[in-house]
Amino acid sequence: MKYDEALAGIVARVRDEAGKLGDGPDTVSETPAAYEIALKAGLSFYSKIRPRRRTQTIPCGANGRILCSSITDFDQGFIGLLGFEYPIIEAGEPSWLSDDDWILDQDQDGIDLIRFVGSIPPAGALVRVASFCEHKLPDPTVAFTVTDSDMQVVIVFAAAEAMFILSAEYAQSSEHTILNAQISISINKSDTYRSRGNELRKRAFESLRATRLHSGSVEVVRG
């Protein structure tokens, strides 16, 4: 799925008939970027549950250290899922290092690095690194890194975020409105969009649970 398709899916679910999220001086944003903001938030929310997995081979530095900056898209928020294969086994079950074999450390300049403290690879030895990070918004012509089967979940999460944006907009409008009738309308709409956002988020979670049941039991190890 591409960027335009994802945005179209969000717009269809939000049904912003008043055009609060579109172009114009009376909108949340002066550009359609509000939908893009919602899509980024939806991707980030989804990534907390199913982050993107990256693998690469990196030569170990001196004294059993690897700079975190050498790990593509290194995200310390997912360090609990980080895994290292050493020695690298070309066939059969990989030999992942245990949790006690490495720590997150810093050098004398405060630069983050991985320090091997158990099975220590010699300098230059290749280590296979499996890391996890957030799914990012791709260029319009590039497909998302989210699997096709989960893109609809991301769209629903993003639509929920757009609902929350609309809820906040109507709540703010009620604070600056003088007529009681208009205040009542704005508050009602704010509550309605917040409820719809909560319902969409619940629906996305249910979809993820259903997918997990269909895929069976999958164990995610450090790596």
C-alpha atoms as a PDB file:
ATOM      1  CA  MET A   1       0.000   0.000   0.000  1.00  0.00           C
ATOM      2  CA  LYS A   2       1.197   3.515  -0.840  1.00  0.00           C
ATOM      3  CA  TYR A   3       0.819   6.867   0.930  1.00  0.00           C
ATOM      4  CA  ASP A   4      -2.197   8.140  -1.066  1.00  0.00           C
ATOM      5  CA  GLU A   5      -4.118   4.911  -0.522  1.00  0.00           C
ATOM      6  CA  ALA A   6      -3.522   5.088   3.228  1.00  0.00           C
ATOM      7  CA  LEU A   7      -4.672   8.709   3.422  1.00  0.00           C
ATOM      8  CA  ALA A   8      -7.791   7.886   1.413  1.00  0.00           C
ATOM      9  CA  GLY A   9      -8.587   5.108   3.869  1.00  0.00           C
ATOM     10  CA  ILE A  10      -8.279   7.489   6.818  1.00  0.00           C
ATOM     11  CA  VAL A  11     -10.438  10.172   5.188  1.00  0.00           C
ATOM     12  CA  ALA A  12     -13.147   7.611   4.398  1.00  0.00           C
ATOM     13  CA  ARG A  13     -13.312   6.496   8.019  1.00  0.00           C
ATOM     14  CA  VAL A  14     -13.198   9.963   9.583  1.00  0.00           C
ATOM     15  CA  ARG A  15     -15.914  11.520   7.393  1.00  0.00           C
ATOM     16  CA  ASP A  16     -14.973  15.084   8.335  1.00  0.00           C
ATOM     17  CA  GLU A  17     -18.006  16.676   6.705  1.00  0.00           C
ATOM     18  CA  ALA A  18     -17.253  20.121   8.149  1.00  0.00           C
ATOM     19  CA  GLY A  19     -13.785  20.078   6.584  1.00  0.00           C
ATOM     20  CA  LYS A  20     -11.979  20.761   9.849  1.00  0.00           C
ATOM     21  CA  LEU A  21      -9.005  18.657   8.747  1.00  0.00           C
ATOM     22  CA  GLY A  22      -8.835  20.033   5.202  1.00  0.00           C
ATOM     23  CA  ASP A  23      -7.641  23.280   3.600  1.00  0.00           C
ATOM     24  CA  GLY A  24      -8.777  26.692   4.738  1.00  0.00           C
ATOM     25  CA  PRO A  25      -8.254  29.281   7.478  1.00  0.00           C
ATOM     26  CA  ASP A  26     -10.868  27.727   9.794  1.00  0.00           C
ATOM     27  CA  THR A  27      -9.218  24.305   9.977  1.00  0.00           C
ATOM     28  CA  VAL A  28      -6.930  22.641  12.483  1.00  0.00           C
ATOM     29  CA  SER A  29      -4.142  22.973   9.930  1.00  0.00           C
ATOM     30  CA  GLU A  30      -3.844  25.263   6.917  1.00  0.00           C
ATOM     31  CA  THR A  31      -2.835  22.226   4.846  1.00  0.00           C
ATOM     32  CA  PRO A  32      -4.138  18.633   4.716  1.00  0.00           C
ATOM     33  CA  ALA A  33      -1.183  17.747   6.985  1.00  0.00           C
ATOM     34  CA  ALA A  34      -3.558  16.894   9.846  1.00  0.00           C
ATOM     35  CA  TYR A  35      -4.260  13.544   8.157  1.00  0.00           C
ATOM     36  CA  GLU A  36      -0.540  12.965   7.726  1.00  0.00           C
ATOM     37  CA  ILE A  37       0.030  13.768  11.398  1.00  0.00           C
ATOM     38  CA  ALA A  38      -2.670  11.248  12.272  1.00  0.00           C
ATOM     39  CA  LEU A  39      -1.061   8.653   9.992  1.00  0.00           C
ATOM     40  CA  LYS A  40       2.340   9.153  11.642  1.00  0.00           C
ATOM     41  CA  ALA A  41       0.719   8.805  15.066  1.00  0.00           C
ATOM     42  CA  GLY A  42      -1.094   5.656  13.940  1.00  0.00           C
ATOM     43  CA  LEU A  43       2.163   4.147  12.683  1.00  0.00           C
ATOM     44  CA  SER A  44       3.895   5.001  15.953  1.00  0.00           C
ATOM     45  CA  PHE A  45       1.072   3.482  18.000  1.00  0.00           C
ATOM     46  CA  TYR A  46       1.099   0.316  15.875  1.00  0.00           C
ATOM     47  CA  SER A  47       4.901   0.105  16.173  1.00  0.00           C
ATOM     48  CA  LYS A  48       4.650  -0.174  19.953  1.00  0.00           C
ATOM     49  CA  ILE A  49       2.831  -3.458  19.372  1.00  0.00           C
ATOM     50  CA  ARG A  50       4.501  -4.706  16.195  1.00  0.00           C
ATOM     51  CA  PRO A  51       7.771  -2.868  15.582  1.00  0.00           C
ATOM     52  CA  ARG A  52       9.768  -3.180  12.407  1.00  0.00           C
ATOM     53  CA  ARG A  53      12.498  -5.829  12.490  1.00  0.00           C
ATOM     54  CA  ARG A  54      15.875  -5.122  10.864  1.00  0.00           C
ATOM     55  CA  THR A  55      18.868  -7.460  10.520  1.00  0.00           C
ATOM     56  CA  GLN A  56      22.406  -6.664   9.461  1.00  0.00           C
ATOM     57  CA  THR A  57      25.954  -7.926   9.832  1.00  0.00           C
ATOM     58  CA  ILE A  58      28.448  -5.655  11.618  1.00  0.00           C
ATOM     59  CA  PRO A  59      32.150  -6.220  12.354  1.00  0.00           C
ATOM     60  CA  CYS A  60      32.912  -6.060  16.058  1.00  0.00           C
ATOM     61  CA  GLY A  61      35.166  -3.218  17.166  1.00  0.00           C
ATOM     62  CA  ALA A  62      38.069  -3.314  19.572  1.00  0.00           C
ATOM     63  CA  ASN A  63      37.530  -4.731  23.061  1.00  0.00           C
ATOM     64  CA  GLY A  64      34.228  -6.347  22.122  1.00  0.00           C
ATOM     65  CA  ARG A  65      32.260  -3.201  21.339  1.00  0.00           C
ATOM     66  CA  ILE A  66      29.797  -2.110  18.634  1.00  0.00           C
ATOM     67  CA  LEU A  67      28.681   1.505  18.296  1.00  0.00           C
ATOM     68  CA  CYS A  68      24.910   1.910  18.482  1.00  0.00           C
ATOM     69  CA  SER A  69      25.164   4.406  15.610  1.00  0.00           C
ATOM     70  CA  SER A  70      26.349   1.550  13.368  1.00  0.00           C
ATOM     71  CA  ILE A  71      23.037  -0.271  13.916  1.00  0.00           C
ATOM     72  CA  THR A  72      20.548   0.947  11.302  1.00  0.00           C
ATOM     73  CA  ASP A  73      17.607   2.843  12.846  1.00  0.00           C
ATOM     74  CA  PHE A  74      18.763   1.935  16.352  1.00  0.00           C
ATOM     75  CA  ASP A  75      15.992   2.780  18.820  1.00  0.00           C
ATOM     76  CA  GLN A  76      16.804   2.501  22.515  1.00  0.00           C
ATOM     77  CA  GLY A  77      13.079   2.184  23.225  1.00  0.00           C
ATOM     78  CA  PHE A  78      13.206  -1.336  21.752  1.00  0.00           C
ATOM     79  CA  ILE A  79      16.530  -2.395  23.274  1.00  0.00           C
ATOM     80  CA  GLY A  80      14.795  -5.174  25.188  1.00  0.00           C
ATOM     81  CA  LEU A  81      14.224  -6.921  21.828  1.00  0.00           C
ATOM     82  CA  LEU A  82      17.760  -6.425  20.506  1.00  0.00           C
ATOM     83  CA  GLY A  83      19.568  -9.640  19.562  1.00  0.00           C
ATOM     84  CA  PHE A  84      23.082 -10.670  18.502  1.00  0.00           C
ATOM     85  CA  GLU A  85      24.085 -13.835  16.700  1.00  0.00           C
ATOM     86  CA  TYR A  86      27.679 -14.899  17.304  1.00  0.00           C
ATOM     87  CA  PRO A  87      29.215 -16.901  15.888  1.00  0.00           C
ATOM     88  CA  ILE A  88      27.099 -16.598  12.734  1.00  0.00           C
ATOM     89  CA  ILE A  89      25.793 -19.990  11.686  1.00  0.00           C
ATOM     90  CA  GLU A  90      24.976 -20.220   7.983  1.00  0.00           C
ATOM     91  CA  ALA A  91      22.645 -23.212   8.293  1.00  0.00           C
ATOM     92  CA  GLY A  92      20.419 -24.465  11.067  1.00  0.00           C
ATOM     93  CA  GLU A  93      19.327 -22.730  14.240  1.00  0.00           C
ATOM     94  CA  PRO A  94      21.109 -19.400  14.904  1.00  0.00           C
ATOM     95  CA  SER A  95      23.260 -19.027  17.997  1.00  0.00           C
ATOM     96  CA  TRP A  96      21.838 -15.959  19.758  1.00  0.00           C
ATOM     97  CA  LEU A  97      23.841 -14.540  22.630  1.00  0.00           C
ATOM     98  CA  SER A  98      22.076 -14.573  25.976  1.00  0.00           C
ATOM     99  CA  ASP A  99      20.862 -11.476  27.790  1.00  0.00           C
ATOM    100  CA  ASP A 100      23.863 -11.640  30.091  1.00  0.00           C
ATOM    101  CA  ASP A 101      26.389 -11.589  27.236  1.00  0.00           C
ATOM    102  CA  TRP A 102      26.045  -7.872  26.458  1.00  0.00           C
ATOM    103  CA  ILE A 103      25.115  -4.523  27.988  1.00  0.00           C
ATOM    104  CA  LEU A 104      24.314  -1.008  26.779  1.00  0.00           C
ATOM    105  CA  ASP A 105      27.320   1.146  27.672  1.00  0.00           C
ATOM    106  CA  GLN A 106      29.009   4.450  26.777  1.00  0.00           C
ATOM    107  CA  ASP A 107      32.573   5.336  25.877  1.00  0.00           C
ATOM    108  CA  GLN A 108      34.570   8.137  27.464  1.00  0.00           C
ATOM    109  CA  ASP A 109      32.886  10.655  25.143  1.00  0.00           C
ATOM    110  CA  GLY A 110      29.376   9.600  26.156  1.00  0.00           C
ATOM    111  CA  ILE A 111      28.696   7.773  22.867  1.00  0.00           C
ATOM    112  CA  ASP A 112      26.293   4.844  23.220  1.00  0.00           C
ATOM    113  CA  LEU A 113      27.654   1.415  22.385  1.00  0.00           C
ATOM    114  CA  ILE A 114      27.003  -2.274  22.859  1.00  0.00           C
ATOM    115  CA  ARG A 115      29.615  -3.924  25.056  1.00  0.00           C
ATOM    116  CA  PHE A 116      29.966  -7.696  24.968  1.00  0.00           C
ATOM    117  CA  VAL A 117      30.753  -9.065  28.413  1.00  0.00           C
ATOM    118  CA  GLY A 118      30.164 -12.796  28.069  1.00  0.00           C
ATOM    119  CA  SER A 119      31.072 -14.344  24.757  1.00  0.00           C
ATOM    120  CA  ILE A 120      33.301 -11.571  23.393  1.00  0.00           C
ATOM    121  CA  PRO A 121      33.884 -11.502  19.601  1.00  0.00           C
ATOM    122  CA  PRO A 122      37.401 -10.485  18.570  1.00  0.00           C
ATOM    123  CA  ALA A 123      37.962  -7.236  16.667  1.00  0.00           C
ATOM    124  CA  GLY A 124      36.753  -7.581  13.076  1.00  0.00           C
ATOM    125  CA  ALA A 125      34.630 -10.653  13.753  1.00  0.00           C
ATOM    126  CA  LEU A 126      31.203 -10.448  12.134  1.00  0.00           C
ATOM    127  CA  VAL A 127      28.168 -10.227  14.403  1.00  0.00           C
ATOM    128  CA  ARG A 128      24.614 -10.498  13.074  1.00  0.00           C
ATOM    129  CA  VAL A 129      22.434  -7.857  14.702  1.00  0.00           C
ATOM    130  CA  ALA A 130      18.646  -8.098  14.853  1.00  0.00           C
ATOM    131  CA  SER A 131      17.062  -4.838  15.975  1.00  0.00           C
ATOM    132  CA  PHE A 132      13.578  -3.369  16.188  1.00  0.00           C
ATOM    133  CA  CYS A 133      12.395   0.157  15.434  1.00  0.00           C
ATOM    134  CA  GLU A 134       9.281   2.157  14.541  1.00  0.00           C
ATOM    135  CA  HIS A 135       7.652   1.973  11.139  1.00  0.00           C
ATOM    136  CA  LYS A 136       8.180   5.352   9.487  1.00  0.00           C
ATOM    137  CA  LEU A 137       6.045   7.229   6.974  1.00  0.00           C
ATOM    138  CA  PRO A 138       7.540   6.377   3.549  1.00  0.00           C
ATOM    139  CA  ASP A 139       7.906   8.561   0.484  1.00  0.00           C
ATOM    140  CA  PRO A 140       4.648   8.747  -1.518  1.00  0.00           C
ATOM    141  CA  THR A 141       5.971   6.353  -4.192  1.00  0.00           C
ATOM    142  CA  VAL A 142       7.330   3.788  -1.731  1.00  0.00           C
ATOM    143  CA  ALA A 143       5.308   1.077   0.003  1.00  0.00           C
ATOM    144  CA  PHE A 144       4.970   0.988   3.776  1.00  0.00           C
ATOM    145  CA  THR A 145       7.178  -1.355   5.785  1.00  0.00           C
ATOM    146  CA  VAL A 146       4.039  -2.653   7.508  1.00  0.00           C
ATOM    147  CA  THR A 147       2.811  -5.959   6.108  1.00  0.00           C
ATOM    148  CA  ASP A 148      -0.164  -5.703   3.759  1.00  0.00           C
ATOM    149  CA  SER A 149      -2.318  -7.706   6.165  1.00  0.00           C
ATOM    150  CA  ASP A 150      -1.757  -5.098   8.896  1.00  0.00           C
ATOM    151  CA  MET A 151      -2.084  -1.876   6.884  1.00  0.00           C
ATOM    152  CA  GLN A 152      -5.814  -1.684   7.511  1.00  0.00           C
ATOM    153  CA  VAL A 153      -5.065  -1.821  11.245  1.00  0.00           C
ATOM    154  CA  VAL A 154      -2.632   1.098  10.873  1.00  0.00           C
ATOM    155  CA  ILE A 155      -5.290   3.058   8.958  1.00  0.00           C
ATOM    156  CA  VAL A 156      -7.841   2.447  11.712  1.00  0.00           C
ATOM    157  CA  PHE A 157      -5.331   3.541  14.373  1.00  0.00           C
ATOM    158  CA  ALA A 158      -4.623   6.669  12.302  1.00  0.00           C
ATOM    159  CA  ALA A 159      -8.334   7.380  11.834  1.00  0.00           C
ATOM    160  CA  ALA A 160      -8.737   7.172  15.609  1.00  0.00           C
ATOM    161  CA  GLU A 161      -5.972   9.765  16.004  1.00  0.00           C
ATOM    162  CA  ALA A 162      -7.747  12.028  13.494  1.00  0.00           C
ATOM    163  CA  MET A 163     -10.934  11.659  15.550  1.00  0.00           C
ATOM    164  CA  PHE A 164      -9.061  12.789  18.658  1.00  0.00           C
ATOM    165  CA  ILE A 165      -7.754  15.823  16.750  1.00  0.00           C
ATOM    166  CA  LEU A 166     -11.309  16.708  15.761  1.00  0.00           C
ATOM    167  CA  SER A 167     -12.529  16.179  19.322  1.00  0.00           C
ATOM    168  CA  ALA A 168      -9.903  18.601  20.612  1.00  0.00           C
ATOM    169  CA  GLU A 169     -10.808  21.133  17.920  1.00  0.00           C
ATOM    170  CA  TYR A 170     -14.505  21.134  18.847  1.00  0.00           C
ATOM    171  CA  ALA A 171     -13.672  21.267  22.561  1.00  0.00           C
ATOM    172  CA  GLN A 172     -11.526  24.326  21.906  1.00  0.00           C
ATOM    173  CA  SER A 173     -14.278  25.901  19.803  1.00  0.00           C
ATOM    174  CA  SER A 174     -16.697  25.622  22.724  1.00  0.00           C
ATOM    175  CA  GLU A 175     -14.294  27.598  24.928  1.00  0.00           C
ATOM    176  CA  HIS A 176     -14.378  30.539  22.524  1.00  0.00           C
ATOM    177  CA  THR A 177     -18.100  30.494  21.729  1.00  0.00           C
ATOM    178  CA  ILE A 178     -20.516  32.911  23.403  1.00  0.00           C
ATOM    179  CA  LEU A 179     -23.914  31.464  22.475  1.00  0.00           C
ATOM    180  CA  ASN A 180     -24.983  28.616  24.731  1.00  0.00           C
ATOM    181  CA  ALA A 181     -26.537  26.684  21.855  1.00  0.00           C
ATOM    182  CA  GLN A 182     -23.286  26.755  19.896  1.00  0.00           C
ATOM    183  CA  ILE A 183     -21.333  25.696  22.974  1.00  0.00           C
ATOM    184  CA  SER A 184     -23.660  22.725  23.418  1.00  0.00           C
ATOM    185  CA  ILE A 185     -23.234  21.693  19.767  1.00  0.00           C
ATOM    186  CA  SER A 186     -19.424  21.921  19.961  1.00  0.00           C
ATOM    187  CA  ILE A 187     -19.276  19.924  23.201  1.00  0.00           C
ATOM    188  CA  ASN A 188     -21.563  17.241  21.774  1.00  0.00           C
ATOM    189  CA  LYS A 189     -19.434  16.954  18.647  1.00  0.00           C
ATOM    190  CA  SER A 190     -16.278  16.816  20.745  1.00  0.00           C
ATOM    191  CA  ASP A 191     -17.703  13.931  22.776  1.00  0.00           C
ATOM    192  CA  THR A 192     -18.925  12.184  19.629  1.00  0.00           C
ATOM    193  CA  TYR A 193     -15.533  12.282  17.894  1.00  0.00           C
ATOM    194  CA  ARG A 194     -13.724  11.176  21.052  1.00  0.00           C
ATOM    195  CA  SER A 195     -16.097   8.220  21.400  1.00  0.00           C
ATOM    196  CA  ARG A 196     -15.650   7.307  17.742  1.00  0.00           C
ATOM    197  CA  GLY A 197     -11.878   7.506  18.170  1.00  0.00           C
ATOM    198  CA  ASN A 198     -11.990   5.164  21.166  1.00  0.00           C
ATOM    199  CA  GLU A 199     -14.205   2.758  19.257  1.00  0.00           C
ATOM    200  CA  LEU A 200     -11.865   2.716  16.259  1.00  0.00           C
ATOM    201  CA  ARG A 201      -8.833   2.110  18.473  1.00  0.00           C
ATOM    202  CA  LYS A 202     -10.670  -0.777  20.167  1.00  0.00           C
ATOM    203  CA  ARG A 203     -11.523  -2.215  16.746  1.00  0.00           C
ATOM    204  CA  ALA A 204      -7.861  -2.059  15.696  1.00  0.00           C
ATOM    205  CA  PHE A 205      -6.763  -3.909  18.830  1.00  0.00           C
ATOM    206  CA  GLU A 206      -9.388  -6.589  18.194  1.00  0.00           C
ATOM    207  CA  SER A 207      -8.105  -7.000  14.649  1.00  0.00           C
ATOM    208  CA  LEU A 208      -4.546  -7.480  15.916  1.00  0.00           C
ATOM    209  CA  ARG A 209      -5.713 -10.091  18.400  1.00  0.00           C
ATOM    210  CA  ALA A 210      -7.563 -11.944  15.628  1.00  0.00           C
ATOM    211  CA  THR A 211      -4.452 -11.901  13.452  1.00  0.00           C
ATOM    212  CA  ARG A 212      -2.381 -13.320  16.303  1.00  0.00           C
ATOM    213  CA  LEU A 213      -4.853 -16.174  16.709  1.00  0.00           C
ATOM    214  CA  HIS A 214      -4.741 -16.963  12.984  1.00  0.00           C
ATOM    215  CA  SER A 215      -0.954 -16.928  12.869  1.00  0.00           C
ATOM    216  CA  GLY A 216      -0.612 -19.302  15.816  1.00  0.00           C
ATOM    217  CA  SER A 217       1.926 -19.023  18.576  1.00  0.00           C
ATOM    218  CA  VAL A 218       5.021 -17.126  17.453  1.00  0.00           C
ATOM    219  CA  GLU A 219       7.921 -16.647  19.842  1.00  0.00           C
ATOM    220  CA  VAL A 220       9.925 -13.436  19.463  1.00  0.00           C
ATOM    221  CA  VAL A 221      13.424 -13.922  20.832  1.00  0.00           C
ATOM    222  CA  ARG A 222      16.167 -11.353  21.239  1.00  0.00           C
ATOM    223  CA  GLY A 223      17.012 -11.376  17.591  1.00  0.00           C
END
